C-alpha atoms as a PDB file:
ATOM      1  CA  UNK A   1      80.557  85.644  71.977  1.00  0.00           C
ATOM      2  CA  UNK A   2      78.135  87.923  70.158  1.00  0.00           C
ATOM      3  CA  UNK A   3      80.706  90.395  68.852  1.00  0.00           C
ATOM      4  CA  UNK A   4      80.915  88.906  65.296  1.00  0.00           C
ATOM      5  CA  UNK A   5      77.138  89.027  64.958  1.00  0.00           C
ATOM      6  CA  UNK A   6      76.891  92.652  66.089  1.00  0.00           C
ATOM      7  CA  UNK A   7      79.813  93.677  63.886  1.00  0.00           C
ATOM      8  CA  UNK A   8      78.027  92.127  60.898  1.00  0.00           C
ATOM      9  CA  UNK A   9      74.813  93.915  61.925  1.00  0.00           C
ATOM     10  CA  UNK A  10      76.697  97.229  62.142  1.00  0.00           C
ATOM     11  CA  UNK A  11      78.193  96.677  58.675  1.00  0.00           C
ATOM     12  CA  UNK A  12      74.694  96.181  57.253  1.00  0.00           C
ATOM     13  CA  UNK A  13      73.415  99.373  58.894  1.00  0.00           C
ATOM     14  CA  UNK A  14      75.897 102.167  58.061  1.00  0.00           C
ATOM     15  CA  UNK A  15      75.055 105.658  59.203  1.00  0.00           C
ATOM     16  CA  UNK A  16      73.732 107.952  56.475  1.00  0.00           C
ATOM     17  CA  UNK A  17      76.014 110.709  57.762  1.00  0.00           C
ATOM     18  CA  UNK A  18      79.053 108.451  57.960  1.00  0.00           C
ATOM     19  CA  UNK A  19      79.152 108.789  61.764  1.00  0.00           C
ATOM     20  CA  UNK A  20      79.855 105.343  63.239  1.00  0.00           C
ATOM     21  CA  UNK A  21      78.485 106.056  66.676  1.00  0.00           C
ATOM     22  CA  UNK A  22      80.026 107.338  69.859  1.00  0.00           C
ATOM     23  CA  UNK A  23      79.527 104.208  71.966  1.00  0.00           C
ATOM     24  CA  UNK A  24      80.894 100.703  71.594  1.00  0.00           C
ATOM     25  CA  UNK A  25      78.165  98.123  70.999  1.00  0.00           C
ATOM     26  CA  UNK A  26      79.553  95.983  73.815  1.00  0.00           C
ATOM     27  CA  UNK A  27      78.836  98.827  76.240  1.00  0.00           C
ATOM     28  CA  UNK A  28      75.335  99.202  74.824  1.00  0.00           C
ATOM     29  CA  UNK A  29      74.690  95.512  75.523  1.00  0.00           C
ATOM     30  CA  UNK A  30      76.205  95.918  79.007  1.00  0.00           C
ATOM     31  CA  UNK A  31      73.791  98.777  79.731  1.00  0.00           C
ATOM     32  CA  UNK A  32      70.739  96.815  78.549  1.00  0.00           C
ATOM     33  CA  UNK A  33      71.704  93.733  80.568  1.00  0.00           C
ATOM     34  CA  UNK A  34      72.551  95.854  83.630  1.00  0.00           C
ATOM     35  CA  UNK A  35      69.162  97.539  83.602  1.00  0.00           C
ATOM     36  CA  UNK A  36      67.406  94.224  83.075  1.00  0.00           C
ATOM     37  CA  UNK A  37      69.224  92.684  86.015  1.00  0.00           C
ATOM     38  CA  UNK A  38      68.924  95.559  88.486  1.00  0.00           C
ATOM     39  CA  UNK A  39      65.565  96.988  87.406  1.00  0.00           C
ATOM     40  CA  UNK A  40      66.764 100.598  87.498  1.00  0.00           C
ATOM     41  CA  UNK A  41      65.122 103.378  85.504  1.00  0.00           C
ATOM     42  CA  UNK A  42      66.583 104.452  82.184  1.00  0.00           C
ATOM     43  CA  UNK A  43      67.739 107.740  83.685  1.00  0.00           C
ATOM     44  CA  UNK A  44      69.479 105.920  86.553  1.00  0.00           C
ATOM     45  CA  UNK A  45      72.018 104.020  84.449  1.00  0.00           C
ATOM     46  CA  UNK A  46      75.532 104.375  85.944  1.00  0.00           C
ATOM     47  CA  UNK A  47      77.688 107.107  84.413  1.00  0.00           C
ATOM     48  CA  UNK A  48      80.283 104.603  83.175  1.00  0.00           C
ATOM     49  CA  UNK A  49      77.648 103.091  80.858  1.00  0.00           C
ATOM     50  CA  UNK A  50      76.150 104.774  77.767  1.00  0.00           C
ATOM     51  CA  UNK A  51      73.284 107.194  78.525  1.00  0.00           C
ATOM     52  CA  UNK A  52      69.597 106.490  78.142  1.00  0.00           C
ATOM     53  CA  UNK A  53      69.383 108.107  74.693  1.00  0.00           C
ATOM     54  CA  UNK A  54      71.937 105.772  73.114  1.00  0.00           C
ATOM     55  CA  UNK A  55      70.946 102.656  75.073  1.00  0.00           C
ATOM     56  CA  UNK A  56      67.231 102.963  74.391  1.00  0.00           C
ATOM     57  CA  UNK A  57      67.893 103.733  70.714  1.00  0.00           C
ATOM     58  CA  UNK A  58      69.576 100.358  70.233  1.00  0.00           C
ATOM     59  CA  UNK A  59      67.171  98.548  72.570  1.00  0.00           C
ATOM     60  CA  UNK A  60      64.183  99.680  70.491  1.00  0.00           C
ATOM     61  CA  UNK A  61      65.950  99.203  67.149  1.00  0.00           C
ATOM     62  CA  UNK A  62      67.059  95.645  67.944  1.00  0.00           C
ATOM     63  CA  UNK A  63      63.617  94.886  69.390  1.00  0.00           C
ATOM     64  CA  UNK A  64      61.858  95.940  66.192  1.00  0.00           C
ATOM     65  CA  UNK A  65      64.224  94.460  63.597  1.00  0.00           C
ATOM     66  CA  UNK A  66      64.494  91.039  65.288  1.00  0.00           C
ATOM     67  CA  UNK A  67      68.140  91.366  66.309  1.00  0.00           C
ATOM     68  CA  UNK A  68      67.406  90.689  69.982  1.00  0.00           C
ATOM     69  CA  UNK A  69      65.771  87.362  69.194  1.00  0.00           C
ATOM     70  CA  UNK A  70      68.430  86.469  66.625  1.00  0.00           C
ATOM     71  CA  UNK A  71      71.206  86.938  69.211  1.00  0.00           C
ATOM     72  CA  UNK A  72      69.313  84.779  71.700  1.00  0.00           C
ATOM     73  CA  UNK A  73      68.610  82.002  69.205  1.00  0.00           C
ATOM     74  CA  UNK A  74      72.264  81.818  68.120  1.00  0.00           C
ATOM     75  CA  UNK A  75      73.324  81.339  71.735  1.00  0.00           C
ATOM     76  CA  UNK A  76      70.502  78.874  72.375  1.00  0.00           C
ATOM     77  CA  UNK A  77      71.683  76.708  69.462  1.00  0.00           C
ATOM     78  CA  UNK A  78      75.218  76.725  70.882  1.00  0.00           C
ATOM     79  CA  UNK A  79      73.948  75.754  74.337  1.00  0.00           C
ATOM     80  CA  UNK A  80      71.948  72.854  72.902  1.00  0.00           C
ATOM     81  CA  UNK A  81      74.914  71.604  70.868  1.00  0.00           C
ATOM     82  CA  UNK A  82      77.146  71.775  73.944  1.00  0.00           C
ATOM     83  CA  UNK A  83      74.582  69.622  75.756  1.00  0.00           C
ATOM     84  CA  UNK A  84      74.826  67.037  72.968  1.00  0.00           C
ATOM     85  CA  UNK A  85      71.546  67.913  71.271  1.00  0.00           C
ATOM     86  CA  UNK A  86      70.553  69.209  67.849  1.00  0.00           C
ATOM     87  CA  UNK A  87      70.312  72.962  67.278  1.00  0.00           C
ATOM     88  CA  UNK A  88      66.512  72.963  67.189  1.00  0.00           C
ATOM     89  CA  UNK A  89      64.294  70.933  69.545  1.00  0.00           C
ATOM     90  CA  UNK A  90      61.623  68.389  68.705  1.00  0.00           C
ATOM     91  CA  UNK A  91      59.549  69.042  71.833  1.00  0.00           C
ATOM     92  CA  UNK A  92      58.526  72.068  73.924  1.00  0.00           C
ATOM     93  CA  UNK A  93      56.755  72.808  77.200  1.00  0.00           C
ATOM     94  CA  UNK A  94      54.214  75.654  77.445  1.00  0.00           C
ATOM     95  CA  UNK A  95      53.225  77.708  80.466  1.00  0.00           C
ATOM     96  CA  UNK A  96      51.884  81.143  81.402  1.00  0.00           C
ATOM     97  CA  UNK A  97      52.668  83.536  84.235  1.00  0.00           C
ATOM     98  CA  UNK A  98      50.626  86.544  85.365  1.00  0.00           C
ATOM     99  CA  UNK A  99      52.586  89.630  86.475  1.00  0.00           C
ATOM    100  CA  UNK A 100      51.285  92.797  88.098  1.00  0.00           C
ATOM    101  CA  UNK A 101      51.633  95.973  86.055  1.00  0.00           C
ATOM    102  CA  UNK A 102      53.060  99.281  87.225  1.00  0.00           C
ATOM    103  CA  UNK A 103      50.780 102.314  87.454  1.00  0.00           C
ATOM    104  CA  UNK A 104      51.989 103.920  84.221  1.00  0.00           C
ATOM    105  CA  UNK A 105      51.320 100.864  82.022  1.00  0.00           C
ATOM    106  CA  UNK A 106      48.397 101.636  79.644  1.00  0.00           C
ATOM    107  CA  UNK A 107      45.103 100.090  80.719  1.00  0.00           C
ATOM    108  CA  UNK A 108      44.409  99.154  77.090  1.00  0.00           C
ATOM    109  CA  UNK A 109      47.219  96.566  77.190  1.00  0.00           C
ATOM    110  CA  UNK A 110      46.457  95.115  80.627  1.00  0.00           C
ATOM    111  CA  UNK A 111      43.673  93.127  82.238  1.00  0.00           C
ATOM    112  CA  UNK A 112      42.921  90.945  85.252  1.00  0.00           C
ATOM    113  CA  UNK A 113      43.620  87.251  85.556  1.00  0.00           C
ATOM    114  CA  UNK A 114      40.325  86.063  87.072  1.00  0.00           C
ATOM    115  CA  UNK A 115      41.785  82.805  88.344  1.00  0.00           C
ATOM    116  CA  UNK A 116      44.887  84.203  90.046  1.00  0.00           C
ATOM    117  CA  UNK A 117      43.333  87.628  90.728  1.00  0.00           C
ATOM    118  CA  UNK A 118      46.356  89.398  89.295  1.00  0.00           C
ATOM    119  CA  UNK A 119      45.875  92.719  87.434  1.00  0.00           C
ATOM    120  CA  UNK A 120      48.466  93.275  84.744  1.00  0.00           C
ATOM    121  CA  UNK A 121      49.866  91.193  81.927  1.00  0.00           C
ATOM    122  CA  UNK A 122      50.399  87.527  81.237  1.00  0.00           C
ATOM    123  CA  UNK A 123      53.611  86.032  79.827  1.00  0.00           C
ATOM    124  CA  UNK A 124      53.526  82.841  77.840  1.00  0.00           C
ATOM    125  CA  UNK A 125      56.684  80.783  77.400  1.00  0.00           C
ATOM    126  CA  UNK A 126      57.573  77.817  75.232  1.00  0.00           C
ATOM    127  CA  UNK A 127      60.817  76.164  76.336  1.00  0.00           C
ATOM    128  CA  UNK A 128      62.694  73.055  75.241  1.00  0.00           C
ATOM    129  CA  UNK A 129      63.510  70.136  77.571  1.00  0.00           C
ATOM    130  CA  UNK A 130      66.628  71.992  78.753  1.00  0.00           C
ATOM    131  CA  UNK A 131      64.523  74.987  79.793  1.00  0.00           C
ATOM    132  CA  UNK A 132      65.832  77.196  76.979  1.00  0.00           C
ATOM    133  CA  UNK A 133      63.252  79.621  75.609  1.00  0.00           C
ATOM    134  CA  UNK A 134      61.851  78.948  72.144  1.00  0.00           C
ATOM    135  CA  UNK A 135      58.952  81.444  72.037  1.00  0.00           C
ATOM    136  CA  UNK A 136      57.578  84.334  74.136  1.00  0.00           C
ATOM    137  CA  UNK A 137      54.132  85.938  74.065  1.00  0.00           C
ATOM    138  CA  UNK A 138      52.947  88.854  76.245  1.00  0.00           C
ATOM    139  CA  UNK A 139      49.252  89.745  76.494  1.00  0.00           C
ATOM    140  CA  UNK A 140      46.806  91.311  78.921  1.00  0.00           C
ATOM    141  CA  UNK A 141      46.346  89.118  82.004  1.00  0.00           C
ATOM    142  CA  UNK A 142      42.701  88.672  81.042  1.00  0.00           C
ATOM    143  CA  UNK A 143      43.680  86.590  77.996  1.00  0.00           C
ATOM    144  CA  UNK A 144      42.966  82.884  78.359  1.00  0.00           C
ATOM    145  CA  UNK A 145      45.649  80.203  78.326  1.00  0.00           C
ATOM    146  CA  UNK A 146      44.024  78.841  75.159  1.00  0.00           C
ATOM    147  CA  UNK A 147      44.608  82.133  73.341  1.00  0.00           C
ATOM    148  CA  UNK A 148      48.208  82.349  74.496  1.00  0.00           C
ATOM    149  CA  UNK A 149      48.814  78.658  73.794  1.00  0.00           C
ATOM    150  CA  UNK A 150      47.689  79.063  70.191  1.00  0.00           C
ATOM    151  CA  UNK A 151      49.962  82.073  69.684  1.00  0.00           C
ATOM    152  CA  UNK A 152      52.892  80.245  71.255  1.00  0.00           C
ATOM    153  CA  UNK A 153      52.424  77.281  68.939  1.00  0.00           C
ATOM    154  CA  UNK A 154      52.312  79.627  65.952  1.00  0.00           C
ATOM    155  CA  UNK A 155      55.603  81.174  67.087  1.00  0.00           C
ATOM    156  CA  UNK A 156      57.144  77.749  67.638  1.00  0.00           C
ATOM    157  CA  UNK A 157      56.204  76.566  64.140  1.00  0.00           C
ATOM    158  CA  UNK A 158      57.444  79.808  62.545  1.00  0.00           C
ATOM    159  CA  UNK A 159      60.898  79.694  64.163  1.00  0.00           C
ATOM    160  CA  UNK A 160      61.468  76.005  64.999  1.00  0.00           C
ATOM    161  CA  UNK A 161      59.482  73.839  62.570  1.00  0.00           C
ATOM    162  CA  UNK A 162      61.246  70.735  63.923  1.00  0.00           C
ATOM    163  CA  UNK A 163      58.920  70.666  66.963  1.00  0.00           C
ATOM    164  CA  UNK A 164      56.351  67.840  66.895  1.00  0.00           C
ATOM    165  CA  UNK A 165      55.455  67.518  70.599  1.00  0.00           C
ATOM    166  CA  UNK A 166      54.248  69.930  73.284  1.00  0.00           C
ATOM    167  CA  UNK A 167      53.458  69.391  76.955  1.00  0.00           C
ATOM    168  CA  UNK A 168      51.030  71.712  78.760  1.00  0.00           C
ATOM    169  CA  UNK A 169      49.213  71.931  82.094  1.00  0.00           C
ATOM    170  CA  UNK A 170      45.466  71.585  82.588  1.00  0.00           C
ATOM    171  CA  UNK A 171      44.927  75.310  82.010  1.00  0.00           C
ATOM    172  CA  UNK A 172      45.365  74.687  78.286  1.00  0.00           C
ATOM    173  CA  UNK A 173      42.165  73.102  77.000  1.00  0.00           C
ATOM    174  CA  UNK A 174      41.141  71.201  73.862  1.00  0.00           C
ATOM    175  CA  UNK A 175      41.392  74.309  71.675  1.00  0.00           C
ATOM    176  CA  UNK A 176      45.170  74.275  72.069  1.00  0.00           C
ATOM    177  CA  UNK A 177      45.356  70.568  71.256  1.00  0.00           C
ATOM    178  CA  UNK A 178      43.238  71.080  68.147  1.00  0.00           C
ATOM    179  CA  UNK A 179      45.328  74.052  67.038  1.00  0.00           C
ATOM    180  CA  UNK A 180      48.479  72.036  67.616  1.00  0.00           C
ATOM    181  CA  UNK A 181      47.129  69.137  65.560  1.00  0.00           C
ATOM    182  CA  UNK A 182      46.501  71.499  62.654  1.00  0.00           C
ATOM    183  CA  UNK A 183      50.131  72.606  62.907  1.00  0.00           C
ATOM    184  CA  UNK A 184      51.465  69.056  63.152  1.00  0.00           C
ATOM    185  CA  UNK A 185      52.221  69.243  66.902  1.00  0.00           C
ATOM    186  CA  UNK A 186      50.930  66.644  69.373  1.00  0.00           C
ATOM    187  CA  UNK A 187      49.800  68.543  72.493  1.00  0.00           C
ATOM    188  CA  UNK A 188      49.665  66.487  75.699  1.00  0.00           C
ATOM    189  CA  UNK A 189      48.285  67.604  79.063  1.00  0.00           C
ATOM    190  CA  UNK A 190      50.420  66.750  82.095  1.00  0.00           C
ATOM    191  CA  UNK A 191      48.125  66.412  85.106  1.00  0.00           C
ATOM    192  CA  UNK A 192      49.019  66.341  88.781  1.00  0.00           C
ATOM    193  CA  UNK A 193      49.360  62.812  90.093  1.00  0.00           C
ATOM    194  CA  UNK A 194      48.139  63.667  93.608  1.00  0.00           C
ATOM    195  CA  UNK A 195      45.986  66.146  95.477  1.00  0.00           C
ATOM    196  CA  UNK A 196      48.705  67.572  97.738  1.00  0.00           C
ATOM    197  CA  UNK A 197      48.604  71.319  98.223  1.00  0.00           C
ATOM    198  CA  UNK A 198      51.442  73.624  97.261  1.00  0.00           C
ATOM    199  CA  UNK A 199      53.989  73.506  94.477  1.00  0.00           C
ATOM    200  CA  UNK A 200      55.090  70.028  93.437  1.00  0.00           C
ATOM    201  CA  UNK A 201      57.354  69.654  90.372  1.00  0.00           C
ATOM    202  CA  UNK A 202      55.538  67.761  87.642  1.00  0.00           C
ATOM    203  CA  UNK A 203      57.147  65.538  85.000  1.00  0.00           C
ATOM    204  CA  UNK A 204      58.076  67.468  81.838  1.00  0.00           C
ATOM    205  CA  UNK A 205      56.433  70.660  83.106  1.00  0.00           C
ATOM    206  CA  UNK A 206      58.997  71.444  85.803  1.00  0.00           C
ATOM    207  CA  UNK A 207      61.522  72.827  83.301  1.00  0.00           C
ATOM    208  CA  UNK A 208      59.327  75.757  82.321  1.00  0.00           C
ATOM    209  CA  UNK A 209      58.636  76.517  85.998  1.00  0.00           C
ATOM    210  CA  UNK A 210      62.381  76.550  86.589  1.00  0.00           C
ATOM    211  CA  UNK A 211      62.857  78.927  83.649  1.00  0.00           C
ATOM    212  CA  UNK A 212      60.227  81.305  85.033  1.00  0.00           C
ATOM    213  CA  UNK A 213      61.987  81.259  88.401  1.00  0.00           C
ATOM    214  CA  UNK A 214      65.348  82.019  86.799  1.00  0.00           C
ATOM    215  CA  UNK A 215      63.877  84.940  84.855  1.00  0.00           C
ATOM    216  CA  UNK A 216      62.583  86.449  88.104  1.00  0.00           C
ATOM    217  CA  UNK A 217      66.209  87.005  89.174  1.00  0.00           C
ATOM    218  CA  UNK A 218      66.109  89.857  86.643  1.00  0.00           C
ATOM    219  CA  UNK A 219      64.327  92.577  88.568  1.00  0.00           C
ATOM    220  CA  UNK A 220      62.966  94.307  85.472  1.00  0.00           C
ATOM    221  CA  UNK A 221      60.729  91.242  84.990  1.00  0.00           C
ATOM    222  CA  UNK A 222      59.319  91.037  88.527  1.00  0.00           C
ATOM    223  CA  UNK A 223      56.676  93.591  87.516  1.00  0.00           C
ATOM    224  CA  UNK A 224      55.367  94.862  84.192  1.00  0.00           C
ATOM    225  CA  UNK A 225      57.024  98.234  83.625  1.00  0.00           C
ATOM    226  CA  UNK A 226      56.893  98.418  79.825  1.00  0.00           C
ATOM    227  CA  UNK A 227      54.222 100.491  78.093  1.00  0.00           C
ATOM    228  CA  UNK A 228      54.757  98.518  74.878  1.00  0.00           C
ATOM    229  CA  UNK A 229      54.148  94.731  75.174  1.00  0.00           C
ATOM    230  CA  UNK A 230      56.836  94.208  72.501  1.00  0.00           C
ATOM    231  CA  UNK A 231      59.358  95.701  74.944  1.00  0.00           C
ATOM    232  CA  UNK A 232      58.237  93.182  77.559  1.00  0.00           C
ATOM    233  CA  UNK A 233      58.955  90.371  75.102  1.00  0.00           C
ATOM    234  CA  UNK A 234      62.364  91.889  74.383  1.00  0.00           C
ATOM    235  CA  UNK A 235      63.107  92.028  78.114  1.00  0.00           C
ATOM    236  CA  UNK A 236      62.540  88.284  78.376  1.00  0.00           C
ATOM    237  CA  UNK A 237      64.877  87.630  75.434  1.00  0.00           C
ATOM    238  CA  UNK A 238      67.613  89.755  77.027  1.00  0.00           C
ATOM    239  CA  UNK A 239      67.235  88.049  80.408  1.00  0.00           C
ATOM    240  CA  UNK A 240      67.466  84.651  78.752  1.00  0.00           C
ATOM    241  CA  UNK A 241      70.446  85.832  76.672  1.00  0.00           C
ATOM    242  CA  UNK A 242      72.298  86.829  79.845  1.00  0.00           C
ATOM    243  CA  UNK A 243      71.548  83.400  81.332  1.00  0.00           C
ATOM    244  CA  UNK A 244      72.782  81.666  78.186  1.00  0.00           C
ATOM    245  CA  UNK A 245      76.033  83.655  78.184  1.00  0.00           C
ATOM    246  CA  UNK A 246      76.724  82.588  81.770  1.00  0.00           C
ATOM    247  CA  UNK A 247      75.906  78.993  80.885  1.00  0.00           C
ATOM    248  CA  UNK A 248      78.228  78.991  77.868  1.00  0.00           C
ATOM    249  CA  UNK A 249      81.130  80.754  79.575  1.00  0.00           C
ATOM    250  CA  UNK A 250      80.863  79.019  82.940  1.00  0.00           C
ATOM    251  CA  UNK A 251      80.549  82.293  84.843  1.00  0.00           C
ATOM    252  CA  UNK A 252      78.021  83.357  87.469  1.00  0.00           C
ATOM    253  CA  UNK A 253      76.483  86.575  88.690  1.00  0.00           C
ATOM    254  CA  UNK A 254      75.534  87.160  92.356  1.00  0.00           C
ATOM    255  CA  UNK A 255      71.778  87.262  92.870  1.00  0.00           C
ATOM    256  CA  UNK A 256      70.291  90.652  93.751  1.00  0.00           C
ATOM    257  CA  UNK A 257      68.470  88.837  96.574  1.00  0.00           C
ATOM    258  CA  UNK A 258      71.764  88.441  98.412  1.00  0.00           C
ATOM    259  CA  UNK A 259      72.846  92.069  98.103  1.00  0.00           C
END
């Protein structure tokens, strides 16, 4: 499904030496998705996949030139059209998730979420009403939801200017609503209707919780392993891309929890 896009990308990036590369781009994508799903180290990629040197080269290159996001957004538009919706949404749901960081992650890019008492990083997601990701932000866990909410709205406006409505939880305060108003987005808080303890799906907000749960099936995302926060963002795009491909092709992959 993404072959034509990658072939066009390859045609726009010819090698200066005329060498077209030793590995097929499909296998490069397979290696990236495999590592994302299983959580293995770069050096532990199976021998029938391209080695770390080639795989990481394309992972970093596509991360930096926007190819990773472009692939995801093309598939997301197809998934929305198949569901009978327009390519770009008119409404999004925002949420954050704190994730513990591995020991080697630089302290300068991490912090501690005071509320959840989680040391590491915080991921912010903006998803549409189908749960498809529109924007991703990764910061230190010490960053407030207001800060992340503002950055998410900026990303949403930059890539999907059709959005006019956003639903958030009570962790996003008035600053996010004011920032949204300046961008032409109506930000509405969705509050819990009862005082029951534990997780209870809330109207509108449940889709982003479901998306976070689905992403956790990709073991590379269960903990923060990336030294560069941009790589963490790229990991989320690849996990969502794999989910979109299964949605569009009607295939499934056994969960690592059952192995």
